Amino acid sequence: SVVAQQVLDIQRAIAARVTSFIFEGTEIGLKYSAWCSITMNPGYAGRSELPDNLKALFRTVAMMVPDYAMIGEIILYSF
């Protein structure tokens, strides 16, 4: 996909440790404090899966609801 190619260009510039690079025909500065992420919510109506070549450029991270009871118990036992 086009987005996957653009993300790959940015990742290559970061790996090369350059301060500016040509992106889509325009020279832009590279800020190392910036980042991007992709949120996937499979199963919602009308949403499609991301292309595999785009998913391959990002690290998979799973998120879950925290267990507040266990967190509280650990905090109380730590005193």
C-alpha atoms as a PDB file:
ATOM      1  CA  SER A   1       0.000   0.000   0.000  1.00  0.00           C
ATOM      2  CA  VAL A   2       1.010   3.631  -0.351  1.00  0.00           C
ATOM      3  CA  VAL A   3       0.998   4.189   3.406  1.00  0.00           C
ATOM      4  CA  ALA A   4       3.236   1.159   3.948  1.00  0.00           C
ATOM      5  CA  GLN A   5       5.777   2.557   1.473  1.00  0.00           C
ATOM      6  CA  GLN A   6       5.703   5.959   3.183  1.00  0.00           C
ATOM      7  CA  VAL A   7       6.200   4.439   6.640  1.00  0.00           C
ATOM      8  CA  LEU A   8       9.043   2.310   5.278  1.00  0.00           C
ATOM      9  CA  ASP A   9      10.735   5.423   3.847  1.00  0.00           C
ATOM     10  CA  ILE A  10      10.554   7.104   7.254  1.00  0.00           C
ATOM     11  CA  GLN A  11      11.860   4.013   9.047  1.00  0.00           C
ATOM     12  CA  ARG A  12      14.792   3.784   6.636  1.00  0.00           C
ATOM     13  CA  ALA A  13      15.644   7.445   7.265  1.00  0.00           C
ATOM     14  CA  ILE A  14      15.570   6.809  11.012  1.00  0.00           C
ATOM     15  CA  ALA A  15      17.832   3.761  10.606  1.00  0.00           C
ATOM     16  CA  ALA A  16      20.261   5.866   8.556  1.00  0.00           C
ATOM     17  CA  ARG A  17      20.330   8.472  11.391  1.00  0.00           C
ATOM     18  CA  VAL A  18      19.882  11.401   8.987  1.00  0.00           C
ATOM     19  CA  THR A  19      18.519  14.792  10.023  1.00  0.00           C
ATOM     20  CA  SER A  20      16.538  15.344   6.806  1.00  0.00           C
ATOM     21  CA  PHE A  21      15.450  13.212   3.860  1.00  0.00           C
ATOM     22  CA  ILE A  22      13.420  13.345   0.667  1.00  0.00           C
ATOM     23  CA  PHE A  23       9.818  12.312   1.300  1.00  0.00           C
ATOM     24  CA  GLU A  24       7.416  12.248  -1.647  1.00  0.00           C
ATOM     25  CA  GLY A  25       9.671  14.653  -3.551  1.00  0.00           C
ATOM     26  CA  THR A  26      10.026  17.145  -0.682  1.00  0.00           C
ATOM     27  CA  GLU A  27      12.971  17.458   1.683  1.00  0.00           C
ATOM     28  CA  ILE A  28      11.736  17.337   5.267  1.00  0.00           C
ATOM     29  CA  GLY A  29      13.450  17.361   8.635  1.00  0.00           C
ATOM     30  CA  LEU A  30      13.406  14.199  10.692  1.00  0.00           C
ATOM     31  CA  LYS A  31      12.379  14.588  14.340  1.00  0.00           C
ATOM     32  CA  TYR A  32      13.453  11.631  16.458  1.00  0.00           C
ATOM     33  CA  SER A  33      10.943  12.522  19.178  1.00  0.00           C
ATOM     34  CA  ALA A  34       8.000  11.787  16.864  1.00  0.00           C
ATOM     35  CA  TRP A  35       6.367   8.373  16.527  1.00  0.00           C
ATOM     36  CA  CYS A  36       3.346   6.758  14.967  1.00  0.00           C
ATOM     37  CA  SER A  37       1.113   3.875  15.919  1.00  0.00           C
ATOM     38  CA  ILE A  38      -1.736   1.911  14.410  1.00  0.00           C
ATOM     39  CA  THR A  39      -4.817   0.947  16.393  1.00  0.00           C
ATOM     40  CA  MET A  40      -6.608  -2.168  15.202  1.00  0.00           C
ATOM     41  CA  ASN A  41     -10.103  -2.953  16.408  1.00  0.00           C
ATOM     42  CA  PRO A  42     -11.080  -6.086  14.517  1.00  0.00           C
ATOM     43  CA  GLY A  43     -14.686  -7.136  14.628  1.00  0.00           C
ATOM     44  CA  TYR A  44     -16.310  -3.710  14.392  1.00  0.00           C
ATOM     45  CA  ALA A  45     -18.831  -3.295  11.595  1.00  0.00           C
ATOM     46  CA  GLY A  46     -17.491  -1.578   8.502  1.00  0.00           C
ATOM     47  CA  ARG A  47     -13.819  -1.903   9.449  1.00  0.00           C
ATOM     48  CA  SER A  48     -11.396  -3.824   7.302  1.00  0.00           C
ATOM     49  CA  GLU A  49      -8.089  -5.443   8.179  1.00  0.00           C
ATOM     50  CA  LEU A  50      -4.843  -3.592   7.551  1.00  0.00           C
ATOM     51  CA  PRO A  51      -2.715  -4.769   4.625  1.00  0.00           C
ATOM     52  CA  ASP A  52      -0.082  -7.330   5.635  1.00  0.00           C
ATOM     53  CA  ASN A  53       2.780  -5.192   4.340  1.00  0.00           C
ATOM     54  CA  LEU A  54       1.683  -2.355   6.659  1.00  0.00           C
ATOM     55  CA  LYS A  55       1.229  -4.634   9.695  1.00  0.00           C
ATOM     56  CA  ALA A  56       4.732  -6.017   9.129  1.00  0.00           C
ATOM     57  CA  LEU A  57       6.259  -2.582   9.773  1.00  0.00           C
ATOM     58  CA  PHE A  58       4.887  -2.300  13.311  1.00  0.00           C
ATOM     59  CA  ARG A  59       5.505  -4.258  16.503  1.00  0.00           C
ATOM     60  CA  THR A  60       2.475  -6.051  17.890  1.00  0.00           C
ATOM     61  CA  VAL A  61       1.351  -4.946  21.344  1.00  0.00           C
ATOM     62  CA  ALA A  62      -1.642  -6.395  23.181  1.00  0.00           C
ATOM     63  CA  MET A  63      -3.635  -4.300  25.615  1.00  0.00           C
ATOM     64  CA  MET A  64      -6.068  -5.397  28.297  1.00  0.00           C
ATOM     65  CA  VAL A  65      -8.141  -3.957  31.123  1.00  0.00           C
ATOM     66  CA  PRO A  66      -6.023  -3.729  34.306  1.00  0.00           C
ATOM     67  CA  ASP A  67      -6.965  -5.859  37.317  1.00  0.00           C
ATOM     68  CA  TYR A  68      -7.428  -3.051  39.866  1.00  0.00           C
ATOM     69  CA  ALA A  69      -8.070  -5.455  42.749  1.00  0.00           C
ATOM     70  CA  MET A  70      -4.727  -7.175  42.224  1.00  0.00           C
ATOM     71  CA  ILE A  71      -2.922  -3.844  41.818  1.00  0.00           C
ATOM     72  CA  GLY A  72      -4.476  -2.558  45.057  1.00  0.00           C
ATOM     73  CA  GLU A  73      -3.575  -5.740  46.920  1.00  0.00           C
ATOM     74  CA  ILE A  74       0.041  -5.545  45.804  1.00  0.00           C
ATOM     75  CA  ILE A  75       0.246  -1.891  46.794  1.00  0.00           C
ATOM     76  CA  LEU A  76      -1.206  -2.614  50.251  1.00  0.00           C
ATOM     77  CA  TYR A  77       1.191  -5.531  50.855  1.00  0.00           C
ATOM     78  CA  SER A  78       4.155  -3.391  49.846  1.00  0.00           C
ATOM     79  CA  PHE A  79       3.826  -1.153  52.947  1.00  0.00           C
END
